[in-house]
Amino acid sequence: MAEVEVVEVRGFKLELRDTVYKPAEDSFLMLDVILSLGSLRGLSCLDLGTGSGILALALARLGCVTVASDVSLEAVNLAKRNFSLNGLSGEVVQADLTGAFRDRSFDLLVSNPPYLPVDEAGEPAKAWSGGEKGRAVIDRLLSDLRRVLKPGGKAMILHADFNEPSLSVELGRRNGFEVRVAGRRKLAFHELFVLEFELKRCE
């Protein structure tokens, strides 16, 4: 049976399980970037690969009409419980990346994808296993990003320095996005970046 704990993280009450990715420095960097955006009232927002749901909770608290998704059914059920624990509203669905969503669905997409350069299977390893260079999930996400964003929409996607974020910048610009670094954090052995992809309205 999975070990369960309930903790308070940055003002959110979270039930955590050892079979679902627990918030760590990457989550906290993403959370800081989201909270710096201010009010998101009325926007449609997606937290892709939600895990415990902490980023989706932040989006909902800022006023987003929020959808959270994860390929893991355990994560989906956990995120639903955490929405309830915090008295927030949001839809939580099981989905493999963006394939389940309609064209031009979201004003804002956020994702802390699996980015470690390892190839491991099973729960909970698939929450961090990003394949060679840690780009397997990142590249899949970027290839369909334009389709699911509304014109002028934005995506915030976490990378580490060993993911070669310059490749994501180049790919984004080729696909009609303006790309910038929205946040960064230096850790002991690597640096984390949040890249912001903004879809140009004229495209």
Protein backbone atom coordinates (compact mmCIF):
# COMPACT_ATOMS: atom_id res chain seq x y z
CA MET A 1 0.00 0.00 0.00
CA ALA A 2 1.30 3.47 -0.92
CA GLU A 3 2.52 5.62 1.94
CA VAL A 4 0.33 8.71 2.40
CA GLU A 5 1.16 12.01 4.08
CA VAL A 6 -0.57 15.38 4.26
CA VAL A 7 1.65 18.47 4.25
CA GLU A 8 1.36 22.22 3.76
CA VAL A 9 3.34 23.59 0.81
CA ARG A 10 3.38 27.30 -0.05
CA GLY A 11 -0.09 27.79 1.40
CA PHE A 12 -1.59 24.66 -0.19
CA LYS A 13 -2.64 21.57 1.72
CA LEU A 14 -1.38 18.52 -0.17
CA GLU A 15 -1.94 14.84 0.21
CA LEU A 16 1.19 13.12 -1.10
CA ARG A 17 1.86 9.50 -2.02
CA ASP A 18 5.15 7.77 -2.65
CA THR A 19 3.83 6.48 -6.00
CA VAL A 20 3.24 10.01 -7.37
CA TYR A 21 5.92 12.64 -7.97
CA LYS A 22 6.24 14.87 -4.91
CA PRO A 23 6.85 18.62 -5.25
CA ALA A 24 10.58 19.41 -5.36
CA GLU A 25 12.82 22.29 -6.46
CA ASP A 26 11.58 22.06 -10.06
CA SER A 27 7.96 22.26 -8.86
CA PHE A 28 8.78 25.25 -6.64
CA LEU A 29 10.43 27.14 -9.49
CA MET A 30 7.39 26.54 -11.69
CA LEU A 31 5.13 27.59 -8.83
CA ASP A 32 7.05 30.85 -8.33
CA VAL A 33 6.77 31.65 -12.05
CA ILE A 34 3.03 30.98 -12.04
CA LEU A 35 2.38 33.06 -8.93
CA SER A 36 4.34 35.96 -10.44
CA LEU A 37 1.77 36.17 -13.27
CA GLY A 38 -0.89 37.74 -11.05
CA SER A 39 -4.58 37.37 -11.79
CA LEU A 40 -5.46 34.87 -14.51
CA ARG A 41 -9.20 35.25 -14.05
CA GLY A 42 -11.25 33.86 -16.88
CA LEU A 43 -8.35 32.31 -18.78
CA SER A 44 -8.42 28.63 -19.76
CA CYS A 45 -5.36 26.89 -18.31
CA LEU A 46 -3.86 23.40 -18.49
CA ASP A 47 -1.38 21.83 -16.08
CA LEU A 48 0.10 18.99 -18.13
CA GLY A 49 1.61 16.15 -16.08
CA THR A 50 0.02 17.45 -12.91
CA GLY A 51 1.35 14.89 -10.39
CA SER A 52 0.15 16.03 -6.97
CA GLY A 53 -1.70 18.92 -8.63
CA ILE A 54 0.20 21.73 -6.95
CA LEU A 55 0.63 23.82 -10.13
CA ALA A 56 -3.02 23.33 -11.09
CA LEU A 57 -4.05 24.49 -7.61
CA ALA A 58 -2.03 27.68 -8.09
CA LEU A 59 -3.66 28.30 -11.48
CA ALA A 60 -7.12 27.79 -9.99
CA ARG A 61 -6.38 30.11 -7.08
CA LEU A 62 -5.33 32.82 -9.56
CA GLY A 63 -8.70 32.54 -11.29
CA CYS A 64 -8.04 30.16 -14.19
CA VAL A 65 -10.64 27.83 -15.56
CA THR A 66 -8.28 24.97 -14.84
CA VAL A 67 -7.74 21.54 -16.35
CA ALA A 68 -5.09 19.23 -14.90
CA SER A 69 -3.98 16.08 -16.69
CA ASP A 70 -1.64 13.18 -16.11
CA VAL A 71 -1.00 9.85 -17.80
CA SER A 72 -1.00 8.21 -14.35
CA LEU A 73 -4.41 7.33 -12.92
CA GLU A 74 -2.93 7.47 -9.41
CA ALA A 75 -1.82 11.05 -10.04
CA VAL A 76 -5.24 11.97 -11.43
CA ASN A 77 -7.00 10.64 -8.34
CA LEU A 78 -4.50 12.34 -6.03
CA ALA A 79 -4.87 15.71 -7.77
CA LYS A 80 -8.65 15.43 -7.48
CA ARG A 81 -8.32 14.92 -3.73
CA ASN A 82 -5.99 17.90 -3.45
CA PHE A 83 -8.45 20.15 -5.27
CA SER A 84 -11.06 19.09 -2.74
CA LEU A 85 -8.69 19.58 0.22
CA ASN A 86 -8.09 23.18 -0.87
CA GLY A 87 -11.69 24.03 -1.76
CA LEU A 88 -10.76 24.81 -5.37
CA SER A 89 -12.48 23.89 -8.61
CA GLY A 90 -10.82 22.24 -11.58
CA GLU A 91 -11.21 19.35 -13.96
CA VAL A 92 -8.67 16.54 -13.65
CA VAL A 93 -8.38 14.04 -16.49
CA GLN A 94 -6.20 11.11 -17.46
CA ALA A 95 -4.42 11.93 -20.74
CA ASP A 96 -1.12 11.35 -22.51
CA LEU A 97 0.22 14.85 -23.14
CA THR A 98 -1.85 17.05 -25.48
CA GLY A 99 -3.46 14.38 -27.64
CA ALA A 100 -6.77 14.40 -25.75
CA PHE A 101 -7.40 18.14 -26.17
CA ARG A 102 -9.06 20.09 -28.96
CA ASP A 103 -7.38 22.69 -31.14
CA ARG A 104 -7.03 26.16 -29.61
CA SER A 105 -8.26 25.06 -26.17
CA PHE A 106 -5.98 26.96 -23.79
CA ASP A 107 -4.71 30.45 -23.05
CA LEU A 108 -1.97 29.07 -20.80
CA LEU A 109 -0.28 25.68 -20.53
CA VAL A 110 2.21 24.84 -17.79
CA SER A 111 4.26 21.67 -17.54
CA ASN A 112 7.00 20.24 -15.36
CA PRO A 113 7.65 17.23 -17.62
CA PRO A 114 9.93 14.24 -16.99
CA TYR A 115 13.36 15.68 -17.87
CA LEU A 116 16.06 13.50 -16.34
CA PRO A 117 18.30 11.79 -18.94
CA VAL A 118 17.40 8.26 -17.84
CA ASP A 119 15.21 5.54 -19.32
CA GLU A 120 13.20 3.88 -16.56
CA ALA A 121 9.78 2.28 -16.67
CA GLY A 122 6.96 1.88 -14.18
CA GLU A 123 5.60 4.00 -11.35
CA PRO A 124 6.82 6.42 -10.18
CA ALA A 125 9.91 6.45 -12.45
CA LYS A 126 8.00 7.62 -15.51
CA ALA A 127 7.38 10.89 -13.64
CA TRP A 128 11.06 11.80 -14.03
CA SER A 129 12.42 9.57 -16.81
CA GLY A 130 12.94 11.68 -19.94
CA GLY A 131 14.96 9.28 -22.07
CA GLU A 132 18.17 10.29 -23.85
CA LYS A 133 19.10 13.91 -22.96
CA GLY A 134 15.82 14.05 -21.01
CA ARG A 135 14.03 15.39 -24.08
CA ALA A 136 11.67 12.54 -24.99
CA VAL A 137 8.58 14.10 -23.40
CA ILE A 138 9.67 17.70 -24.01
CA ASP A 139 9.99 17.10 -27.76
CA ARG A 140 6.60 15.39 -27.95
CA LEU A 141 5.00 18.28 -26.12
CA LEU A 142 6.64 20.94 -28.27
CA SER A 143 5.59 19.20 -31.48
CA ASP A 144 1.88 19.66 -30.65
CA LEU A 145 2.04 22.83 -28.56
CA ARG A 146 0.93 25.26 -31.24
CA ARG A 147 -2.23 23.26 -31.97
CA VAL A 148 -3.68 23.39 -28.45
CA LEU A 149 -2.91 27.04 -27.67
CA LYS A 150 -5.17 29.93 -28.58
CA PRO A 151 -3.62 32.77 -30.63
CA GLY A 152 -1.57 34.82 -28.19
CA GLY A 153 -1.49 31.86 -25.80
CA LYS A 154 1.51 30.96 -23.69
CA ALA A 155 3.21 27.82 -22.41
CA MET A 156 5.61 27.57 -19.48
CA ILE A 157 7.77 24.45 -19.71
CA LEU A 158 10.50 23.42 -17.29
CA HIS A 159 13.93 22.38 -18.61
CA ALA A 160 17.29 21.57 -17.04
CA ASP A 161 20.59 22.71 -18.53
CA PHE A 162 21.41 19.14 -19.64
CA ASN A 163 18.21 19.09 -21.77
CA GLU A 164 19.86 21.54 -24.20
CA PRO A 165 17.13 24.18 -23.79
CA SER A 166 18.59 26.04 -26.79
CA LEU A 167 17.09 23.28 -28.95
CA SER A 168 13.65 24.07 -27.53
CA VAL A 169 14.18 27.78 -28.16
CA GLU A 170 15.09 27.07 -31.78
CA LEU A 171 12.16 24.70 -32.29
CA GLY A 172 9.73 27.13 -30.72
CA ARG A 173 10.84 30.04 -32.87
CA ARG A 174 10.58 27.91 -36.01
CA ASN A 175 6.98 27.16 -35.06
CA GLY A 176 5.90 30.75 -34.59
CA PHE A 177 6.59 31.28 -30.89
CA GLU A 178 8.41 34.06 -29.14
CA VAL A 179 10.59 32.32 -26.54
CA ARG A 180 12.18 33.71 -23.39
CA VAL A 181 13.46 32.52 -20.02
CA ALA A 182 10.71 33.20 -17.48
CA GLY A 183 12.58 31.80 -14.48
CA ARG A 184 15.76 29.99 -13.52
CA ARG A 185 17.27 28.40 -10.43
CA LYS A 186 20.81 27.16 -9.84
CA LEU A 187 21.01 23.89 -7.92
CA ALA A 188 24.07 22.03 -6.67
CA PHE A 189 24.75 20.08 -9.86
CA HIS A 190 22.58 21.66 -12.56
CA GLU A 191 20.45 24.67 -13.39
CA LEU A 192 16.71 24.72 -13.98
CA PHE A 193 14.95 26.98 -16.48
CA VAL A 194 11.33 27.79 -17.20
CA LEU A 195 11.00 28.62 -20.87
CA GLU A 196 8.01 30.72 -21.92
CA PHE A 197 6.60 30.10 -25.39
CA GLU A 198 4.18 32.79 -26.58
CA LEU A 199 2.23 32.16 -29.77
CA LYS A 200 2.27 35.23 -31.97
CA ARG A 201 -1.23 36.50 -32.70
CA CYS A 202 -0.43 37.26 -36.32
CA GLU A 203 0.47 33.66 -37.10
